[in-house]
Amino acid sequence: MVSMVRCSVIVVTYNSAEAIGLCLEALAREDCEIVVVDNASQDETVRRVEEFVAWHELRLLANDRNLGFAAAANQGAHEASGDVLLLLNPDAIAQPGAVKALLQCMESTGAAAAGGALLESNGKPARGFAFRRLPTAATLLCEALLVNQLWPRNPLNRRYRCLNADYAQPQEVEQPAGACLTIRREAWAELSGFDEQFVPVWFEDVDFCKRLLERGHKIVYCPIASFSHSGAHSVSKLLFRDRQVFWYTNMLRYARKHFSRGQVQVLHVGIIAGMIMRSAAALFGARQAPLGETLAAYWKVIREVR
């Protein structure tokens, strides 16, 4: 019976003061346990969570250093008591009944994991983000070599990001966004949670879904479970250099774990070539940060991955 299934929502925070209030207020209206794991935020996140605790039942685990998302999620899962774990980003706001809808979806499909509909500010599903296929060496190479940026509708990228999918329909998927990922406790335990080698962020959820599917489990997308999502609030506060390094080093970590040695070598070369191309483009104005910072970021990636 769905009504007997207990859900624990695990929210990992890092400098999330601006977002955490609305997230917790929405969860307080749902029938679920709430566990917040703070990764040594430097802003008012902990104070705001503590204020919420005074009025609602909630567990707060405040780390004295940033353990990374994977380790913090594992920490929260260990402390949680639910039969189902919902990993939810602080900037994901549950619409009324969203948690119950996820539980019903998992119960009716027999899925081990499920993702909800992440809605953008216009109320439409985040196409290309809410769920994707697992990356292949070719799709990651296209990402590294700027192919997806210059030709976003290329066949490989359309397939990888499921750009032609019907987001209004429930369906089996390979990789729901880690911003809203529900997992049965027994499946989580079977895989021993997230691989903490993916630090501090990125690809830990992809790796988990890959391992879950290899064990023969089913993952589904549940559009009736809606969450408003502003997106990447913590990641956007990282230095541009750090975002680049974390993304590409964890991309290679995922590749080394799941691809052949030859594929890893090709991807390795592709990342270095892509950084050189990005550096050249930055000289002509195509950059996301000041020129010096942008070039330093790209060359730091080259030093880290070579």
Protein backbone atom coordinates (compact mmCIF):
# COMPACT_ATOMS: atom_id res chain seq x y z
CA MET A 1 0.00 0.00 0.00
CA VAL A 2 1.34 3.41 -0.99
CA SER A 3 0.00 4.99 2.20
CA MET A 4 2.30 2.74 4.27
CA VAL A 5 5.45 3.77 2.37
CA ARG A 6 7.46 6.40 4.22
CA CYS A 7 9.45 8.91 2.18
CA SER A 8 12.52 10.73 3.47
CA VAL A 9 13.53 13.85 1.55
CA ILE A 10 17.26 14.59 1.64
CA VAL A 11 18.26 18.15 0.80
CA VAL A 12 21.99 18.89 0.47
CA THR A 13 22.74 22.58 0.91
CA TYR A 14 25.75 24.73 0.14
CA ASN A 15 25.32 28.50 0.37
CA SER A 16 21.61 27.94 -0.23
CA ALA A 17 20.16 30.66 1.99
CA GLU A 18 18.23 32.30 -0.84
CA ALA A 19 16.50 29.08 -1.89
CA ILE A 20 16.10 26.83 1.13
CA GLY A 21 13.12 28.58 2.73
CA LEU A 22 10.68 27.97 -0.13
CA CYS A 23 11.94 24.41 -0.55
CA LEU A 24 11.31 23.51 3.09
CA GLU A 25 7.95 25.29 3.25
CA ALA A 26 6.75 23.22 0.29
CA LEU A 27 8.04 19.97 1.82
CA ALA A 28 6.35 20.74 5.13
CA ARG A 29 3.01 20.36 3.32
CA GLU A 30 3.97 16.88 2.13
CA ASP A 31 3.83 13.74 4.26
CA CYS A 32 7.54 13.04 4.49
CA GLU A 33 10.58 13.11 6.73
CA ILE A 34 12.98 15.96 5.95
CA VAL A 35 16.76 15.68 6.38
CA VAL A 36 18.96 18.65 5.51
CA VAL A 37 22.71 18.11 5.14
CA ASP A 38 24.67 21.35 4.98
CA ASN A 39 28.12 21.27 3.43
CA ALA A 40 29.76 24.07 5.46
CA SER A 41 27.81 26.95 3.94
CA GLN A 42 29.37 30.38 4.40
CA ASP A 43 26.07 32.26 4.20
CA GLU A 44 22.90 32.17 6.32
CA THR A 45 21.76 28.70 5.21
CA VAL A 46 22.17 26.96 8.57
CA ARG A 47 20.49 29.77 10.48
CA ARG A 48 17.48 29.70 8.16
CA VAL A 49 17.16 25.93 8.48
CA GLU A 50 17.41 26.21 12.25
CA GLU A 51 14.61 28.79 12.24
CA PHE A 52 12.50 26.32 10.27
CA VAL A 53 13.26 23.53 12.77
CA ALA A 54 11.66 25.60 15.52
CA TRP A 55 8.27 25.21 13.81
CA HIS A 56 8.53 21.95 11.89
CA GLU A 57 9.99 18.46 12.33
CA LEU A 58 13.30 18.35 10.51
CA ARG A 59 16.77 16.89 10.98
CA LEU A 60 19.76 19.14 10.27
CA LEU A 61 23.25 17.74 9.81
CA ALA A 62 25.73 20.62 9.65
CA ASN A 63 29.16 19.61 8.37
CA ASP A 64 32.23 21.65 9.29
CA ARG A 65 33.66 21.18 5.79
CA ASN A 66 32.35 20.63 2.29
CA LEU A 67 32.24 16.87 1.79
CA GLY A 68 30.87 17.10 -1.74
CA PHE A 69 27.36 16.28 -2.89
CA ALA A 70 27.78 12.49 -3.07
CA ALA A 71 29.17 12.11 0.46
CA ALA A 72 26.55 14.48 1.90
CA ALA A 73 23.74 12.58 0.16
CA ASN A 74 25.09 9.31 1.58
CA GLN A 75 25.26 10.91 5.01
CA GLY A 76 21.64 12.03 4.76
CA ALA A 77 20.49 8.62 3.56
CA HIS A 78 22.22 6.95 6.50
CA GLU A 79 20.35 9.19 8.95
CA ALA A 80 16.98 8.96 7.16
CA SER A 81 14.37 6.40 8.17
CA GLY A 82 12.18 6.26 5.05
CA ASP A 83 11.50 3.31 2.75
CA VAL A 84 12.01 5.68 -0.18
CA LEU A 85 14.66 8.40 -0.46
CA LEU A 86 14.03 11.59 -2.42
CA LEU A 87 17.17 13.56 -3.22
CA LEU A 88 16.01 17.12 -3.83
CA ASN A 89 18.00 20.25 -4.62
CA PRO A 90 17.30 23.31 -2.45
CA ASP A 91 16.05 25.24 -5.48
CA ALA A 92 13.45 22.57 -6.37
CA ILE A 93 10.02 23.48 -4.98
CA ALA A 94 7.52 20.63 -4.64
CA GLN A 95 4.08 21.41 -6.03
CA PRO A 96 1.19 20.19 -3.83
CA GLY A 97 1.03 16.38 -3.83
CA ALA A 98 4.30 15.97 -5.75
CA VAL A 99 5.94 13.61 -3.25
CA LYS A 100 2.83 11.43 -3.02
CA ALA A 101 2.65 11.34 -6.82
CA LEU A 102 6.24 10.07 -7.01
CA LEU A 103 5.49 7.30 -4.52
CA GLN A 104 2.37 6.26 -6.41
CA CYS A 105 4.28 6.25 -9.68
CA MET A 106 7.01 4.02 -8.26
CA GLU A 107 4.44 1.69 -6.69
CA SER A 108 2.41 1.28 -9.89
CA THR A 109 5.44 0.73 -12.15
CA GLY A 110 7.61 -1.29 -9.78
CA ALA A 111 10.48 1.09 -10.51
CA ALA A 112 13.52 1.29 -8.26
CA ALA A 113 13.98 4.98 -8.99
CA ALA A 114 11.98 7.85 -10.44
CA GLY A 115 12.31 11.49 -11.40
CA GLY A 116 9.66 14.18 -11.42
CA ALA A 117 8.86 16.97 -13.85
CA LEU A 118 11.23 19.89 -13.24
CA LEU A 119 9.45 23.02 -14.37
CA GLU A 120 11.16 26.17 -15.61
CA SER A 121 9.93 29.68 -14.78
CA ASN A 122 7.47 29.52 -17.71
CA GLY A 123 5.85 26.41 -16.20
CA LYS A 124 7.14 24.09 -18.93
CA PRO A 125 9.30 21.00 -18.31
CA ALA A 126 13.04 21.55 -18.46
CA ARG A 127 13.57 19.85 -21.81
CA GLY A 128 16.99 18.25 -22.08
CA PHE A 129 17.49 18.36 -18.31
CA ALA A 130 14.60 16.61 -16.54
CA PHE A 131 15.86 13.31 -17.92
CA ARG A 132 18.50 12.13 -20.37
CA ARG A 133 20.00 8.96 -21.72
CA LEU A 134 23.23 7.77 -20.20
CA PRO A 135 26.22 9.42 -21.87
CA THR A 136 28.33 7.52 -24.35
CA ALA A 137 31.92 8.26 -25.27
CA ALA A 138 30.66 9.92 -28.45
CA THR A 139 28.20 12.22 -26.67
CA LEU A 140 30.82 13.33 -24.15
CA LEU A 141 33.31 13.90 -26.94
CA CYS A 142 30.78 16.14 -28.71
CA GLU A 143 30.40 18.07 -25.46
CA ALA A 144 34.15 18.48 -25.05
CA LEU A 145 34.78 19.52 -28.64
CA LEU A 146 32.09 22.26 -28.70
CA VAL A 147 29.96 20.31 -31.19
CA ASN A 148 26.87 20.56 -28.97
CA GLN A 149 27.37 24.28 -28.44
CA LEU A 150 27.82 25.02 -32.14
CA TRP A 151 25.20 22.50 -33.35
CA PRO A 152 22.86 21.79 -30.43
CA ARG A 153 20.32 19.89 -32.57
CA ASN A 154 22.85 17.38 -33.87
CA PRO A 155 21.56 13.78 -33.83
CA LEU A 156 23.79 12.61 -30.99
CA ASN A 157 22.80 15.51 -28.74
CA ARG A 158 19.09 15.16 -29.57
CA ARG A 159 19.21 11.52 -28.56
CA TYR A 160 21.36 12.07 -25.46
CA ARG A 161 19.25 14.94 -24.09
CA CYS A 162 15.95 13.36 -25.22
CA LEU A 163 15.01 16.59 -26.97
CA ASN A 164 12.27 14.91 -28.99
CA ALA A 165 10.64 13.13 -26.03
CA ASP A 166 7.06 13.79 -24.93
CA TYR A 167 7.53 15.24 -21.46
CA ALA A 168 3.81 14.99 -20.71
CA GLN A 169 3.91 11.19 -20.76
CA PRO A 170 5.19 8.81 -18.06
CA GLN A 171 7.97 6.65 -19.44
CA GLU A 172 11.02 4.57 -18.63
CA VAL A 173 14.18 6.66 -18.69
CA GLU A 174 17.87 6.12 -18.09
CA GLN A 175 18.90 9.17 -16.11
CA PRO A 176 16.52 11.53 -14.30
CA ALA A 177 18.10 14.75 -13.10
CA GLY A 178 19.82 14.43 -9.74
CA ALA A 179 17.98 17.59 -8.70
CA CYS A 180 14.91 15.41 -8.07
CA LEU A 181 15.69 11.71 -7.82
CA THR A 182 13.61 9.21 -5.83
CA ILE A 183 15.15 5.83 -4.95
CA ARG A 184 13.87 2.81 -3.05
CA ARG A 185 15.86 2.21 0.10
CA GLU A 186 16.73 -1.36 -0.86
CA ALA A 187 18.07 -0.25 -4.25
CA TRP A 188 20.15 2.48 -2.58
CA ALA A 189 21.59 -0.06 -0.15
CA GLU A 190 22.27 -2.57 -2.94
CA LEU A 191 24.54 -0.03 -4.65
CA SER A 192 25.93 1.40 -1.39
CA GLY A 193 24.64 4.83 -2.39
CA PHE A 194 26.61 7.35 -4.42
CA ASP A 195 30.26 6.86 -5.33
CA GLU A 196 32.02 9.49 -3.22
CA GLN A 197 34.95 9.63 -5.65
CA PHE A 198 32.83 12.05 -7.68
CA VAL A 199 33.72 15.14 -5.71
CA PRO A 200 32.58 17.79 -5.10
CA VAL A 201 29.80 17.63 -7.70
CA TRP A 202 28.70 16.22 -11.09
CA PHE A 203 28.34 12.72 -12.53
CA GLU A 204 27.62 10.99 -9.19
CA ASP A 205 23.94 10.71 -10.14
CA VAL A 206 24.78 9.56 -13.68
CA ASP A 207 27.06 6.87 -12.30
CA PHE A 208 24.36 5.75 -9.84
CA CYS A 209 21.73 5.40 -12.59
CA LYS A 210 24.21 3.53 -14.77
CA ARG A 211 24.89 1.02 -11.98
CA LEU A 212 21.19 0.74 -11.16
CA LEU A 213 20.30 -0.17 -14.74
CA GLU A 214 23.18 -2.65 -14.93
CA ARG A 215 21.58 -4.46 -11.97
CA GLY A 216 18.37 -4.82 -13.97
CA HIS A 217 16.33 -2.16 -12.16
CA LYS A 218 13.77 0.13 -13.77
CA ILE A 219 13.87 3.96 -13.69
CA VAL A 220 10.83 6.03 -14.64
CA TYR A 221 9.82 9.62 -15.28
CA CYS A 222 6.62 10.80 -13.56
CA PRO A 223 5.23 14.00 -15.11
CA ILE A 224 2.39 14.28 -12.57
CA ALA A 225 4.99 14.92 -9.85
CA SER A 226 5.87 18.56 -10.50
CA PHE A 227 8.66 20.63 -9.00
CA SER A 228 9.48 24.24 -9.85
CA HIS A 229 13.21 24.47 -10.42
CA SER A 230 15.36 27.55 -10.83
CA GLY A 231 18.53 25.54 -11.46
CA ALA A 232 22.19 25.36 -10.40
CA HIS A 233 21.95 27.84 -7.53
CA SER A 234 24.98 26.43 -5.68
CA VAL A 235 27.04 25.57 -8.74
CA SER A 236 26.58 29.07 -10.14
CA LYS A 237 28.38 30.46 -7.08
CA LEU A 238 31.52 28.47 -7.80
CA LEU A 239 34.40 30.18 -9.52
CA PHE A 240 34.30 29.72 -13.29
CA ARG A 241 37.66 27.94 -13.07
CA ASP A 242 36.37 25.48 -10.48
CA ARG A 243 33.22 24.71 -12.47
CA GLN A 244 35.32 23.78 -15.47
CA VAL A 245 37.76 21.64 -13.50
CA PHE A 246 35.06 19.79 -11.52
CA TRP A 247 32.97 19.06 -14.61
CA TYR A 248 35.76 17.70 -16.80
CA THR A 249 37.66 15.78 -14.13
CA ASN A 250 34.46 14.02 -13.06
CA MET A 251 33.58 13.41 -16.70
CA LEU A 252 36.89 11.58 -17.06
CA ARG A 253 36.31 9.76 -13.77
CA TYR A 254 32.98 8.49 -15.11
CA ALA A 255 34.62 7.48 -18.41
CA ARG A 256 37.42 5.57 -16.68
CA LYS A 257 34.83 3.69 -14.65
CA HIS A 258 32.49 2.74 -17.49
CA PHE A 259 34.26 3.05 -20.87
CA SER A 260 37.07 1.12 -22.52
CA ARG A 261 40.66 2.29 -22.21
CA GLY A 262 40.70 3.36 -25.85
CA GLN A 263 37.53 5.42 -25.45
CA VAL A 264 38.98 7.11 -22.37
CA GLN A 265 42.14 8.01 -24.27
CA VAL A 266 40.13 9.54 -27.12
CA LEU A 267 37.98 11.51 -24.68
CA HIS A 268 41.11 12.63 -22.85
CA VAL A 269 42.56 14.06 -26.06
CA GLY A 270 39.18 15.55 -26.94
CA ILE A 271 38.97 17.46 -23.66
CA ILE A 272 42.42 18.95 -24.14
CA ALA A 273 41.60 19.88 -27.75
CA GLY A 274 38.31 21.39 -26.61
CA MET A 275 40.06 23.54 -24.01
CA ILE A 276 42.47 24.82 -26.64
CA MET A 277 39.54 25.65 -28.92
CA ARG A 278 37.75 27.42 -26.07
CA SER A 279 40.89 29.40 -25.29
CA ALA A 280 41.11 30.54 -28.91
CA ALA A 281 37.42 31.48 -28.93
CA ALA A 282 37.85 33.44 -25.69
CA LEU A 283 40.47 35.63 -27.38
CA PHE A 284 37.78 36.72 -29.83
CA GLY A 285 35.17 37.47 -27.19
CA ALA A 286 33.40 34.11 -26.75
CA ARG A 287 33.79 33.80 -22.99
CA GLN A 288 31.69 33.52 -19.84
CA ALA A 289 34.09 35.41 -17.58
CA PRO A 290 36.87 38.02 -17.93
CA LEU A 291 39.51 36.96 -20.43
CA GLY A 292 42.23 36.24 -17.88
CA GLU A 293 39.92 34.17 -15.68
CA THR A 294 38.57 32.28 -18.67
CA LEU A 295 41.99 31.37 -20.04
CA ALA A 296 43.24 30.40 -16.59
CA ALA A 297 40.22 28.10 -16.18
CA TYR A 298 40.72 26.33 -19.50
CA TRP A 299 44.44 25.82 -18.97
CA LYS A 300 43.87 24.54 -15.45
CA VAL A 301 41.61 21.85 -16.94
CA ILE A 302 44.41 20.90 -19.34
CA ARG A 303 46.87 20.60 -16.46
CA GLU A 304 44.43 18.54 -14.38
CA VAL A 305 43.45 16.04 -17.07
CA ARG A 306 46.67 15.55 -19.01
